N, C-alpha and C. Protein backbone atom coordinates (compact mmCIF):
# COMPACT_ATOMS: atom_id res chain seq x y z
N UNK A 1 5.08 -46.68 -8.70
CA UNK A 1 3.69 -46.73 -8.35
C UNK A 1 3.02 -47.72 -9.30
N UNK A 2 2.25 -48.54 -8.73
CA UNK A 2 1.53 -49.52 -9.55
C UNK A 2 0.25 -48.90 -10.08
N UNK A 3 -0.36 -49.59 -11.01
CA UNK A 3 -1.54 -49.04 -11.65
C UNK A 3 -2.74 -49.00 -10.71
N UNK A 4 -2.74 -49.76 -9.62
CA UNK A 4 -3.87 -49.79 -8.69
C UNK A 4 -3.82 -48.71 -7.62
N UNK A 5 -2.66 -48.04 -7.44
CA UNK A 5 -2.52 -47.03 -6.39
C UNK A 5 -3.04 -45.67 -6.86
N UNK A 6 -3.61 -44.94 -5.92
CA UNK A 6 -4.09 -43.59 -6.25
C UNK A 6 -2.91 -42.62 -6.21
N UNK A 7 -2.93 -41.67 -7.08
CA UNK A 7 -1.88 -40.68 -7.12
C UNK A 7 -2.10 -39.64 -6.04
N UNK A 8 -1.02 -39.24 -5.35
CA UNK A 8 -1.14 -38.21 -4.31
C UNK A 8 -1.04 -36.80 -4.91
N UNK A 9 -0.71 -36.69 -6.17
CA UNK A 9 -0.60 -35.39 -6.83
C UNK A 9 -1.96 -35.07 -7.45
N UNK A 10 -2.52 -33.91 -7.11
CA UNK A 10 -3.82 -33.58 -7.70
C UNK A 10 -3.69 -33.34 -9.20
N UNK A 11 -4.75 -33.63 -9.92
CA UNK A 11 -4.71 -33.46 -11.37
C UNK A 11 -4.80 -31.99 -11.76
N UNK A 12 -5.44 -31.19 -10.96
CA UNK A 12 -5.49 -29.74 -11.22
C UNK A 12 -4.89 -29.02 -10.04
N UNK A 13 -4.32 -27.87 -10.30
CA UNK A 13 -3.66 -27.09 -9.25
C UNK A 13 -4.53 -25.89 -8.90
N UNK A 14 -4.67 -25.63 -7.62
CA UNK A 14 -5.43 -24.48 -7.16
C UNK A 14 -4.50 -23.26 -7.15
N UNK A 15 -4.75 -22.32 -8.04
CA UNK A 15 -3.88 -21.17 -8.19
C UNK A 15 -4.24 -20.01 -7.27
N UNK A 16 -5.28 -20.14 -6.46
CA UNK A 16 -5.68 -19.02 -5.61
C UNK A 16 -4.60 -18.65 -4.62
N UNK A 17 -3.93 -19.62 -4.05
CA UNK A 17 -2.86 -19.30 -3.09
C UNK A 17 -1.72 -18.56 -3.80
N UNK A 18 -1.40 -18.97 -5.00
CA UNK A 18 -0.34 -18.32 -5.75
C UNK A 18 -0.72 -16.89 -6.12
N UNK A 19 -1.96 -16.69 -6.54
CA UNK A 19 -2.42 -15.35 -6.88
C UNK A 19 -2.39 -14.45 -5.65
N UNK A 20 -2.82 -14.98 -4.50
CA UNK A 20 -2.76 -14.20 -3.26
C UNK A 20 -1.34 -13.82 -2.89
N UNK A 21 -0.42 -14.75 -3.07
CA UNK A 21 0.98 -14.48 -2.77
C UNK A 21 1.54 -13.39 -3.68
N UNK A 22 1.26 -13.50 -4.97
CA UNK A 22 1.75 -12.50 -5.92
C UNK A 22 1.13 -11.14 -5.65
N UNK A 23 -0.15 -11.12 -5.30
CA UNK A 23 -0.81 -9.86 -4.99
C UNK A 23 -0.21 -9.22 -3.76
N UNK A 24 0.11 -10.02 -2.75
CA UNK A 24 0.70 -9.44 -1.55
C UNK A 24 2.08 -8.86 -1.85
N UNK A 25 2.84 -9.49 -2.73
CA UNK A 25 4.13 -8.91 -3.11
C UNK A 25 3.93 -7.61 -3.86
N UNK A 26 2.94 -7.56 -4.75
CA UNK A 26 2.68 -6.33 -5.49
C UNK A 26 2.25 -5.22 -4.54
N UNK A 27 1.40 -5.56 -3.57
CA UNK A 27 0.94 -4.56 -2.62
C UNK A 27 2.10 -4.04 -1.78
N UNK A 28 2.96 -4.92 -1.32
CA UNK A 28 4.06 -4.48 -0.46
C UNK A 28 5.05 -3.64 -1.25
N UNK A 29 5.27 -3.96 -2.52
CA UNK A 29 6.20 -3.15 -3.30
C UNK A 29 5.61 -1.78 -3.57
N UNK A 30 4.30 -1.70 -3.79
CA UNK A 30 3.66 -0.40 -4.00
C UNK A 30 3.76 0.46 -2.75
N UNK A 31 3.53 -0.15 -1.61
CA UNK A 31 3.62 0.59 -0.35
C UNK A 31 5.06 1.05 -0.12
N UNK A 32 6.02 0.23 -0.45
CA UNK A 32 7.42 0.60 -0.28
C UNK A 32 7.79 1.77 -1.18
N UNK A 33 7.33 1.74 -2.42
CA UNK A 33 7.60 2.84 -3.35
C UNK A 33 6.95 4.13 -2.85
N UNK A 34 5.69 4.05 -2.42
CA UNK A 34 5.02 5.25 -1.92
C UNK A 34 5.71 5.79 -0.67
N UNK A 35 6.13 4.91 0.21
CA UNK A 35 6.84 5.33 1.41
C UNK A 35 8.16 6.03 1.03
N UNK A 36 8.84 5.49 0.04
CA UNK A 36 10.11 6.08 -0.40
C UNK A 36 9.89 7.46 -1.01
N UNK A 37 8.84 7.58 -1.81
CA UNK A 37 8.54 8.88 -2.42
C UNK A 37 8.23 9.91 -1.34
N UNK A 38 7.45 9.51 -0.34
CA UNK A 38 7.14 10.41 0.76
C UNK A 38 8.37 10.77 1.58
N UNK A 39 9.24 9.79 1.78
CA UNK A 39 10.46 10.03 2.54
C UNK A 39 11.42 10.97 1.85
N UNK A 40 11.41 10.95 0.52
CA UNK A 40 12.31 11.82 -0.24
C UNK A 40 11.70 13.20 -0.44
N UNK A 41 10.40 13.25 -0.73
CA UNK A 41 9.78 14.54 -1.05
C UNK A 41 9.29 15.30 0.18
N UNK A 42 9.01 14.62 1.29
CA UNK A 42 8.47 15.28 2.47
C UNK A 42 9.37 16.34 3.08
N UNK A 43 10.61 16.03 3.38
CA UNK A 43 11.47 17.05 4.01
C UNK A 43 11.67 18.32 3.18
N UNK A 44 11.91 18.24 1.87
CA UNK A 44 12.03 19.50 1.12
C UNK A 44 10.73 20.32 1.10
N UNK A 45 9.59 19.63 1.01
CA UNK A 45 8.32 20.35 1.01
C UNK A 45 8.09 21.00 2.38
N UNK A 46 8.39 20.26 3.46
CA UNK A 46 8.25 20.83 4.80
C UNK A 46 9.21 22.01 4.99
N UNK A 47 10.40 21.89 4.46
CA UNK A 47 11.37 22.99 4.56
C UNK A 47 10.88 24.21 3.81
N UNK A 48 10.31 23.99 2.63
CA UNK A 48 9.75 25.10 1.85
C UNK A 48 8.60 25.76 2.61
N UNK A 49 7.73 24.95 3.21
CA UNK A 49 6.62 25.50 3.99
C UNK A 49 7.13 26.32 5.17
N UNK A 50 8.20 25.87 5.80
CA UNK A 50 8.76 26.61 6.93
C UNK A 50 9.42 27.91 6.46
N UNK A 51 9.99 27.90 5.26
CA UNK A 51 10.60 29.12 4.73
C UNK A 51 9.53 30.15 4.39
N UNK A 52 8.44 29.69 3.79
CA UNK A 52 7.38 30.61 3.36
C UNK A 52 6.52 31.07 4.53
N UNK A 53 6.16 30.15 5.41
CA UNK A 53 5.19 30.46 6.46
C UNK A 53 5.82 30.58 7.86
N UNK A 54 7.10 30.77 7.95
CA UNK A 54 7.85 30.78 9.22
C UNK A 54 7.82 29.37 9.81
N UNK A 55 8.42 29.13 10.95
CA UNK A 55 8.43 27.77 11.50
C UNK A 55 7.04 27.16 11.73
N UNK A 56 6.02 27.97 11.81
CA UNK A 56 4.66 27.43 11.94
C UNK A 56 4.26 26.66 10.68
N UNK A 57 4.97 26.88 9.59
CA UNK A 57 4.69 26.17 8.34
C UNK A 57 4.86 24.66 8.48
N UNK A 58 5.71 24.24 9.42
CA UNK A 58 5.88 22.81 9.65
C UNK A 58 4.57 22.19 10.13
N UNK A 59 3.87 22.90 11.00
CA UNK A 59 2.60 22.39 11.52
C UNK A 59 1.51 22.45 10.46
N UNK A 60 1.56 23.46 9.60
CA UNK A 60 0.61 23.53 8.48
C UNK A 60 0.84 22.35 7.55
N UNK A 61 2.11 22.07 7.25
CA UNK A 61 2.45 20.93 6.39
C UNK A 61 1.98 19.63 7.03
N UNK A 62 2.21 19.48 8.33
CA UNK A 62 1.79 18.27 9.04
C UNK A 62 0.28 18.12 9.02
N UNK A 63 -0.44 19.21 9.21
CA UNK A 63 -1.90 19.18 9.19
C UNK A 63 -2.41 18.79 7.80
N UNK A 64 -1.86 19.38 6.76
CA UNK A 64 -2.30 19.06 5.39
C UNK A 64 -1.98 17.62 5.02
N UNK A 65 -0.83 17.14 5.46
CA UNK A 65 -0.46 15.75 5.20
C UNK A 65 -1.40 14.79 5.93
N UNK A 66 -1.74 15.11 7.16
CA UNK A 66 -2.67 14.26 7.93
C UNK A 66 -4.05 14.24 7.29
N UNK A 67 -4.52 15.39 6.81
CA UNK A 67 -5.82 15.44 6.14
C UNK A 67 -5.79 14.60 4.86
N UNK A 68 -4.69 14.70 4.10
CA UNK A 68 -4.58 13.91 2.87
C UNK A 68 -4.57 12.41 3.16
N UNK A 69 -3.87 11.99 4.21
CA UNK A 69 -3.84 10.58 4.58
C UNK A 69 -5.20 10.09 5.06
N UNK A 70 -5.90 10.93 5.82
CA UNK A 70 -7.24 10.56 6.28
C UNK A 70 -8.19 10.42 5.10
N UNK A 71 -8.11 11.34 4.16
CA UNK A 71 -8.95 11.28 2.96
C UNK A 71 -8.66 10.01 2.16
N UNK A 72 -7.39 9.67 2.03
CA UNK A 72 -7.02 8.45 1.30
C UNK A 72 -7.53 7.21 2.02
N UNK A 73 -7.44 7.19 3.34
CA UNK A 73 -7.92 6.04 4.11
C UNK A 73 -9.44 5.89 3.98
N UNK A 74 -10.16 7.01 3.97
CA UNK A 74 -11.61 6.95 3.80
C UNK A 74 -11.97 6.41 2.42
N UNK A 75 -11.23 6.85 1.40
CA UNK A 75 -11.51 6.36 0.03
C UNK A 75 -11.21 4.87 -0.10
N UNK A 76 -10.12 4.41 0.50
CA UNK A 76 -9.77 2.99 0.43
C UNK A 76 -10.82 2.17 1.16
N UNK A 77 -11.27 2.64 2.31
CA UNK A 77 -12.29 1.91 3.06
C UNK A 77 -13.60 1.86 2.29
N UNK A 78 -13.99 2.96 1.67
CA UNK A 78 -15.23 2.98 0.88
C UNK A 78 -15.12 2.04 -0.32
N UNK A 79 -13.97 2.01 -0.95
CA UNK A 79 -13.77 1.10 -2.09
C UNK A 79 -13.83 -0.35 -1.64
N UNK A 80 -13.26 -0.65 -0.47
CA UNK A 80 -13.29 -2.01 0.05
C UNK A 80 -14.71 -2.44 0.39
N UNK A 81 -15.52 -1.53 0.89
CA UNK A 81 -16.90 -1.86 1.21
C UNK A 81 -17.73 -2.08 -0.04
N UNK A 82 -17.42 -1.36 -1.12
CA UNK A 82 -18.13 -1.56 -2.38
C UNK A 82 -17.81 -2.93 -2.98
N UNK A 83 -16.57 -3.35 -2.84
CA UNK A 83 -16.15 -4.64 -3.41
C UNK A 83 -16.80 -5.80 -2.67
N UNK A 84 -16.87 -5.70 -1.39
CA UNK A 84 -17.51 -6.80 -0.69
C UNK A 84 -17.13 -6.84 0.69
């Protein structure tokens, strides 16, 4: 390259794309870990509920799990609205 040509490489790098990429990896790994914890702990807890509350305990467990997930979704949505 001669001294009169403009450089095609920017002098500063925009790190926003890199930060977004790293954040998405962190988010996906967190979701994977939470999914794994639920997959491992859910069946024994449901089995315990069925032992204690008869087979209807499965539906009680399902209802409580659904309520917990709905509560978590409401909290995440409220936090997202506060941020912007």
